[in-house]
Each structure stands twice: as structure tokens, then as C-alpha cells.
Amino acid sequence: MTNKTRARKAMGAALLLAACGTFWMPAAAQGRSETYRCGNTYTDRPCEGGKQLALDDARTEADRRAADAATRRAEQRADQLERIRLSQEKEAYERSRRSAHDARQAAMAERRLASSEQLARARAQRLGAEPRKSSPRFSGAANDRPAAAQGNSRRKKRNDSGAG
């Protein structure tokens, strides 16, 4: 490599470090900034009646790890509870859907039964309104003959008791 190439690489690295430093400076300064409580809001600027807060994290590394582990466990449990809730909601929806279907079926069966009962009543009413046909045992006058004449025209029953 030539000296010019090395100088260009060094200059590029220096510019990169300067740019990174420029971006990281506000973040580093933010960690040391003061925080004020103004009513129910928090700000980095003092306000009238505001109180300055000390926000030092005095936890040890072990405490931070334990808190992170507890947070992960809580998130896992929350995910598990959400899955349980979703499955219970799905089961409740299916039960509701099935009961609605059963209710529709029962209503349709009830309507069919009511319709057939109404049809049977209409038939019975229609048959009750029609005059009855005369029968051979009708005791009144049939075919314009007197009842006594009808009685004589009957045949004798045969006695099949063995004497024949």
C-alpha cells in the first residue's frame, strides 16, 4: 500500500469516529441531565413549582439480571394466559354457535308441528262440515223407502256352528 492510501484510510476512520462521537454525545449527556416533575408531567427543563428528581439507578448487576429474568417470566406467563384466553373465547364462540343452531332447529320443528296440527284441525273441521254418507245401518229412510222395508231386505246370517 502506498502512503496516500494509508492516509486516506486513516482520514476515513477519523471522520467515522468523529461522526459516531457527534451522535453519541447527546445520548451520553442525556444520562446526566436533570429531571423535573411539573405537576403530573416530567421534563428536562425546570418549571415553576417543579421538583428536581434524583434518578440514580442504585441496583447492582445481579439485581438488574434478576429484574430482567422476572420481566421475561412475566411476559411468558402473559403470553400463556393470552393463549388460554383465546382458546376459551373460541370454545365459547363454538358453544354459542351450536346452541343458536340448535335453537333454530327447534324453532323450525315447532313451526312444522304447529303447521301440521293446523292442517289436521282444518281437515277435521272440513270433514265435520260435510254431510255424512248414508250407510246400510242408517235407521232413517234411505232411497225413499220406509225403515220397515229396509229391515225386511236384510239377509239372515248363516249359522256355521256345525249343523249344516
C-alpha atoms as a PDB file:
ATOM      1  CA  MET A   1       0.000   0.000   0.000  1.00  0.00           C
ATOM      2  CA  THR A   2       1.147   3.485  -0.640  1.00  0.00           C
ATOM      3  CA  ASN A   3       1.294   6.310   1.831  1.00  0.00           C
ATOM      4  CA  LYS A   4      -1.611   8.087   0.143  1.00  0.00           C
ATOM      5  CA  THR A   5      -3.853   5.056   0.554  1.00  0.00           C
ATOM      6  CA  ARG A   6      -2.944   4.695   4.230  1.00  0.00           C
ATOM      7  CA  ALA A   7      -3.540   8.401   4.815  1.00  0.00           C
ATOM      8  CA  ARG A   8      -6.977   8.181   3.165  1.00  0.00           C
ATOM      9  CA  LYS A   9      -7.938   5.163   5.308  1.00  0.00           C
ATOM     10  CA  ALA A  10      -6.780   6.921   8.452  1.00  0.00           C
ATOM     11  CA  MET A  11      -8.695  10.057   7.479  1.00  0.00           C
ATOM     12  CA  GLY A  12     -11.849   7.994   6.804  1.00  0.00           C
ATOM     13  CA  ALA A  13     -11.543   6.248  10.171  1.00  0.00           C
ATOM     14  CA  ALA A  14     -11.076   9.589  11.924  1.00  0.00           C
ATOM     15  CA  LEU A  15     -14.170  11.019  10.207  1.00  0.00           C
ATOM     16  CA  LEU A  16     -16.146   7.910  11.162  1.00  0.00           C
ATOM     17  CA  LEU A  17     -15.110   8.209  14.812  1.00  0.00           C
ATOM     18  CA  ALA A  18     -15.932  11.933  14.817  1.00  0.00           C
ATOM     19  CA  ALA A  19     -19.365  11.234  13.346  1.00  0.00           C
ATOM     20  CA  CYS A  20     -20.054   8.499  15.902  1.00  0.00           C
ATOM     21  CA  GLY A  21     -18.945  10.756  18.698  1.00  0.00           C
ATOM     22  CA  THR A  22     -21.236  13.502  17.436  1.00  0.00           C
ATOM     23  CA  PHE A  23     -24.216  11.150  17.505  1.00  0.00           C
ATOM     24  CA  TRP A  24     -23.380   9.627  20.901  1.00  0.00           C
ATOM     25  CA  MET A  25     -22.700  12.897  22.707  1.00  0.00           C
ATOM     26  CA  PRO A  26     -26.382  13.857  23.200  1.00  0.00           C
ATOM     27  CA  ALA A  27     -27.181  10.334  24.429  1.00  0.00           C
ATOM     28  CA  ALA A  28     -24.359  10.467  26.973  1.00  0.00           C
ATOM     29  CA  ALA A  29     -25.382  13.927  28.054  1.00  0.00           C
ATOM     30  CA  GLN A  30     -28.961  12.766  28.440  1.00  0.00           C
ATOM     31  CA  GLY A  31     -27.963  10.264  31.097  1.00  0.00           C
ATOM     32  CA  ARG A  32     -26.563  13.078  33.228  1.00  0.00           C
ATOM     33  CA  SER A  33     -29.365  15.558  32.643  1.00  0.00           C
ATOM     34  CA  GLU A  34     -31.628  16.666  35.419  1.00  0.00           C
ATOM     35  CA  THR A  35     -35.261  15.687  35.543  1.00  0.00           C
ATOM     36  CA  TYR A  36     -38.055  17.822  36.971  1.00  0.00           C
ATOM     37  CA  ARG A  37     -41.568  16.881  37.939  1.00  0.00           C
ATOM     38  CA  CYS A  38     -44.030  19.585  36.981  1.00  0.00           C
ATOM     39  CA  GLY A  39     -47.463  18.511  38.206  1.00  0.00           C
ATOM     40  CA  ASN A  40     -48.183  15.180  36.510  1.00  0.00           C
ATOM     41  CA  THR A  41     -45.557  15.557  33.781  1.00  0.00           C
ATOM     42  CA  TYR A  42     -41.807  15.072  33.709  1.00  0.00           C
ATOM     43  CA  THR A  43     -39.424  17.336  31.815  1.00  0.00           C
ATOM     44  CA  ASP A  44     -35.724  18.129  31.495  1.00  0.00           C
ATOM     45  CA  ARG A  45     -36.353  21.854  31.982  1.00  0.00           C
ATOM     46  CA  PRO A  46     -37.092  23.500  35.328  1.00  0.00           C
ATOM     47  CA  CYS A  47     -40.610  24.783  35.762  1.00  0.00           C
ATOM     48  CA  GLU A  48     -42.453  26.881  38.295  1.00  0.00           C
ATOM     49  CA  GLY A  49     -43.328  24.725  41.295  1.00  0.00           C
ATOM     50  CA  GLY A  50     -41.417  21.799  39.798  1.00  0.00           C
ATOM     51  CA  LYS A  51     -39.296  19.454  41.874  1.00  0.00           C
ATOM     52  CA  GLN A  52     -35.942  18.118  40.793  1.00  0.00           C
ATOM     53  CA  LEU A  53     -35.720  14.330  40.910  1.00  0.00           C
ATOM     54  CA  ALA A  54     -32.667  12.197  41.553  1.00  0.00           C
ATOM     55  CA  LEU A  55     -32.803   9.320  39.081  1.00  0.00           C
ATOM     56  CA  ASP A  56     -29.803   7.241  40.033  1.00  0.00           C
ATOM     57  CA  ASP A  57     -30.080   3.523  39.386  1.00  0.00           C
ATOM     58  CA  ALA A  58     -28.534   2.127  42.549  1.00  0.00           C
ATOM     59  CA  ARG A  59     -29.177  -1.508  41.660  1.00  0.00           C
ATOM     60  CA  THR A  60     -26.361  -3.990  41.336  1.00  0.00           C
ATOM     61  CA  GLU A  61     -25.785  -6.026  38.208  1.00  0.00           C
ATOM     62  CA  ALA A  62     -27.309  -9.078  39.940  1.00  0.00           C
ATOM     63  CA  ASP A  63     -30.423  -7.051  40.791  1.00  0.00           C
ATOM     64  CA  ARG A  64     -30.750  -5.932  37.166  1.00  0.00           C
ATOM     65  CA  ARG A  65     -30.382  -9.518  35.902  1.00  0.00           C
ATOM     66  CA  ALA A  66     -32.964 -10.724  38.416  1.00  0.00           C
ATOM     67  CA  ALA A  67     -35.375  -7.961  37.366  1.00  0.00           C
ATOM     68  CA  ASP A  68     -34.845  -8.821  33.684  1.00  0.00           C
ATOM     69  CA  ALA A  69     -35.451 -12.509  34.392  1.00  0.00           C
ATOM     70  CA  ALA A  70     -38.640 -11.648  36.309  1.00  0.00           C
ATOM     71  CA  THR A  71     -39.770  -9.492  33.395  1.00  0.00           C
ATOM     72  CA  ARG A  72     -39.158 -12.344  30.936  1.00  0.00           C
ATOM     73  CA  ARG A  73     -41.100 -14.766  33.159  1.00  0.00           C
ATOM     74  CA  ALA A  74     -43.961 -12.291  33.423  1.00  0.00           C
ATOM     75  CA  GLU A  75     -44.011 -11.855  29.634  1.00  0.00           C
ATOM     76  CA  GLN A  76     -44.038 -15.636  29.112  1.00  0.00           C
ATOM     77  CA  ARG A  77     -46.886 -16.026  31.601  1.00  0.00           C
ATOM     78  CA  ALA A  78     -48.788 -13.195  29.908  1.00  0.00           C
ATOM     79  CA  ASP A  79     -48.368 -14.928  26.541  1.00  0.00           C
ATOM     80  CA  GLN A  80     -49.560 -18.214  28.054  1.00  0.00           C
ATOM     81  CA  LEU A  81     -52.593 -16.527  29.619  1.00  0.00           C
ATOM     82  CA  GLU A  82     -53.405 -14.850  26.320  1.00  0.00           C
ATOM     83  CA  ARG A  83     -53.335 -18.217  24.520  1.00  0.00           C
ATOM     84  CA  ILE A  84     -55.604 -19.686  27.207  1.00  0.00           C
ATOM     85  CA  ARG A  85     -57.993 -16.746  26.917  1.00  0.00           C
ATOM     86  CA  LEU A  86     -58.118 -17.021  23.137  1.00  0.00           C
ATOM     87  CA  SER A  87     -58.852 -20.762  23.283  1.00  0.00           C
ATOM     88  CA  GLN A  88     -61.599 -20.162  25.868  1.00  0.00           C
ATOM     89  CA  GLU A  89     -63.121 -17.443  23.707  1.00  0.00           C
ATOM     90  CA  LYS A  90     -63.028 -19.779  20.714  1.00  0.00           C
ATOM     91  CA  GLU A  91     -64.744 -22.547  22.700  1.00  0.00           C
ATOM     92  CA  ALA A  92     -67.382 -20.108  23.959  1.00  0.00           C
ATOM     93  CA  TYR A  93     -67.993 -18.924  20.390  1.00  0.00           C
ATOM     94  CA  GLU A  94     -68.409 -22.519  19.193  1.00  0.00           C
ATOM     95  CA  ARG A  95     -70.816 -23.310  22.054  1.00  0.00           C
ATOM     96  CA  SER A  96     -72.808 -20.185  21.251  1.00  0.00           C
ATOM     97  CA  ARG A  97     -72.887 -21.039  17.557  1.00  0.00           C
ATOM     98  CA  ARG A  98     -74.030 -24.615  18.281  1.00  0.00           C
ATOM     99  CA  SER A  99     -76.737 -23.501  20.712  1.00  0.00           C
ATOM    100  CA  ALA A 100     -78.009 -20.934  18.199  1.00  0.00           C
ATOM    101  CA  HIS A 101     -78.115 -23.682  15.555  1.00  0.00           C
ATOM    102  CA  ASP A 102     -79.980 -25.998  17.939  1.00  0.00           C
ATOM    103  CA  ALA A 103     -82.431 -23.208  18.782  1.00  0.00           C
ATOM    104  CA  ARG A 104     -83.095 -22.593  15.078  1.00  0.00           C
ATOM    105  CA  GLN A 105     -83.660 -26.323  14.530  1.00  0.00           C
ATOM    106  CA  ALA A 106     -86.059 -26.490  17.492  1.00  0.00           C
ATOM    107  CA  ALA A 107     -87.964 -23.438  16.241  1.00  0.00           C
ATOM    108  CA  MET A 108     -88.272 -24.955  12.774  1.00  0.00           C
ATOM    109  CA  ALA A 109     -89.517 -28.256  14.249  1.00  0.00           C
ATOM    110  CA  GLU A 110     -92.035 -26.370  16.375  1.00  0.00           C
ATOM    111  CA  ARG A 111     -93.297 -24.467  13.338  1.00  0.00           C
ATOM    112  CA  ARG A 112     -93.630 -27.711  11.357  1.00  0.00           C
ATOM    113  CA  LEU A 113     -95.562 -29.289  14.232  1.00  0.00           C
ATOM    114  CA  ALA A 114     -97.839 -26.258  14.560  1.00  0.00           C
ATOM    115  CA  SER A 115     -98.417 -26.284  10.807  1.00  0.00           C
ATOM    116  CA  SER A 116     -99.304 -29.990  10.771  1.00  0.00           C
ATOM    117  CA  GLU A 117    -101.639 -29.514  13.759  1.00  0.00           C
ATOM    118  CA  GLN A 118    -103.321 -26.604  11.998  1.00  0.00           C
ATOM    119  CA  LEU A 119    -103.703 -28.717   8.863  1.00  0.00           C
ATOM    120  CA  ALA A 120    -105.219 -31.572  10.912  1.00  0.00           C
ATOM    121  CA  ARG A 121    -107.688 -29.160  12.549  1.00  0.00           C
ATOM    122  CA  ALA A 122    -108.653 -27.772   9.141  1.00  0.00           C
ATOM    123  CA  ARG A 123    -109.257 -31.307   7.824  1.00  0.00           C
ATOM    124  CA  ALA A 124    -111.329 -32.222  10.864  1.00  0.00           C
ATOM    125  CA  GLN A 125    -113.365 -29.052  10.511  1.00  0.00           C
ATOM    126  CA  ARG A 126    -113.907 -29.673   6.805  1.00  0.00           C
ATOM    127  CA  LEU A 127    -114.983 -33.278   7.444  1.00  0.00           C
ATOM    128  CA  GLY A 128    -117.319 -32.121  10.217  1.00  0.00           C
ATOM    129  CA  ALA A 129    -118.979 -29.619   7.900  1.00  0.00           C
ATOM    130  CA  GLU A 130    -119.694 -32.159   5.129  1.00  0.00           C
ATOM    131  CA  PRO A 131    -122.894 -34.231   5.359  1.00  0.00           C
ATOM    132  CA  ARG A 132    -122.261 -37.848   6.229  1.00  0.00           C
ATOM    133  CA  LYS A 133    -122.874 -40.513   3.676  1.00  0.00           C
ATOM    134  CA  SER A 134    -125.688 -42.881   4.469  1.00  0.00           C
ATOM    135  CA  SER A 135    -124.838 -46.392   5.486  1.00  0.00           C
ATOM    136  CA  PRO A 136    -126.872 -49.616   5.404  1.00  0.00           C
ATOM    137  CA  ARG A 137    -127.377 -49.421   9.170  1.00  0.00           C
ATOM    138  CA  PHE A 138    -128.871 -45.943   8.983  1.00  0.00           C
ATOM    139  CA  SER A 139    -132.211 -46.178  10.748  1.00  0.00           C
ATOM    140  CA  GLY A 140    -133.835 -43.359   8.819  1.00  0.00           C
ATOM    141  CA  ALA A 141    -135.346 -43.512   5.368  1.00  0.00           C
ATOM    142  CA  ALA A 142    -132.815 -44.292   2.675  1.00  0.00           C
ATOM    143  CA  ASN A 143    -133.603 -44.168  -1.018  1.00  0.00           C
ATOM    144  CA  ASP A 144    -137.115 -43.012  -0.167  1.00  0.00           C
ATOM    145  CA  ARG A 145    -138.063 -46.362   1.397  1.00  0.00           C
ATOM    146  CA  PRO A 146    -139.550 -46.762   4.851  1.00  0.00           C
ATOM    147  CA  ALA A 147    -137.388 -48.141   7.657  1.00  0.00           C
ATOM    148  CA  ALA A 148    -139.566 -51.273   7.960  1.00  0.00           C
ATOM    149  CA  ALA A 149    -138.957 -52.162   4.351  1.00  0.00           C
ATOM    150  CA  GLN A 150    -135.254 -51.838   4.868  1.00  0.00           C
ATOM    151  CA  GLY A 151    -135.361 -54.195   7.798  1.00  0.00           C
ATOM    152  CA  ASN A 152    -137.024 -56.939   5.685  1.00  0.00           C
ATOM    153  CA  SER A 153    -134.438 -56.729   2.995  1.00  0.00           C
ATOM    154  CA  ARG A 154    -131.647 -57.785   5.285  1.00  0.00           C
ATOM    155  CA  ARG A 155    -130.218 -61.225   4.786  1.00  0.00           C
ATOM    156  CA  LYS A 156    -130.120 -63.731   7.504  1.00  0.00           C
ATOM    157  CA  LYS A 157    -126.808 -64.571   8.917  1.00  0.00           C
ATOM    158  CA  ARG A 158    -125.704 -68.090   8.327  1.00  0.00           C
ATOM    159  CA  ASN A 159    -125.048 -70.190  11.322  1.00  0.00           C
ATOM    160  CA  ASP A 160    -121.838 -72.085  10.706  1.00  0.00           C
ATOM    161  CA  SER A 161    -121.785 -73.801  14.040  1.00  0.00           C
ATOM    162  CA  GLY A 162    -121.534 -77.263  12.533  1.00  0.00           C
ATOM    163  CA  ALA A 163    -125.170 -78.109  11.831  1.00  0.00           C
ATOM    164  CA  GLY A 164    -125.362 -77.770   8.300  1.00  0.00           C
END
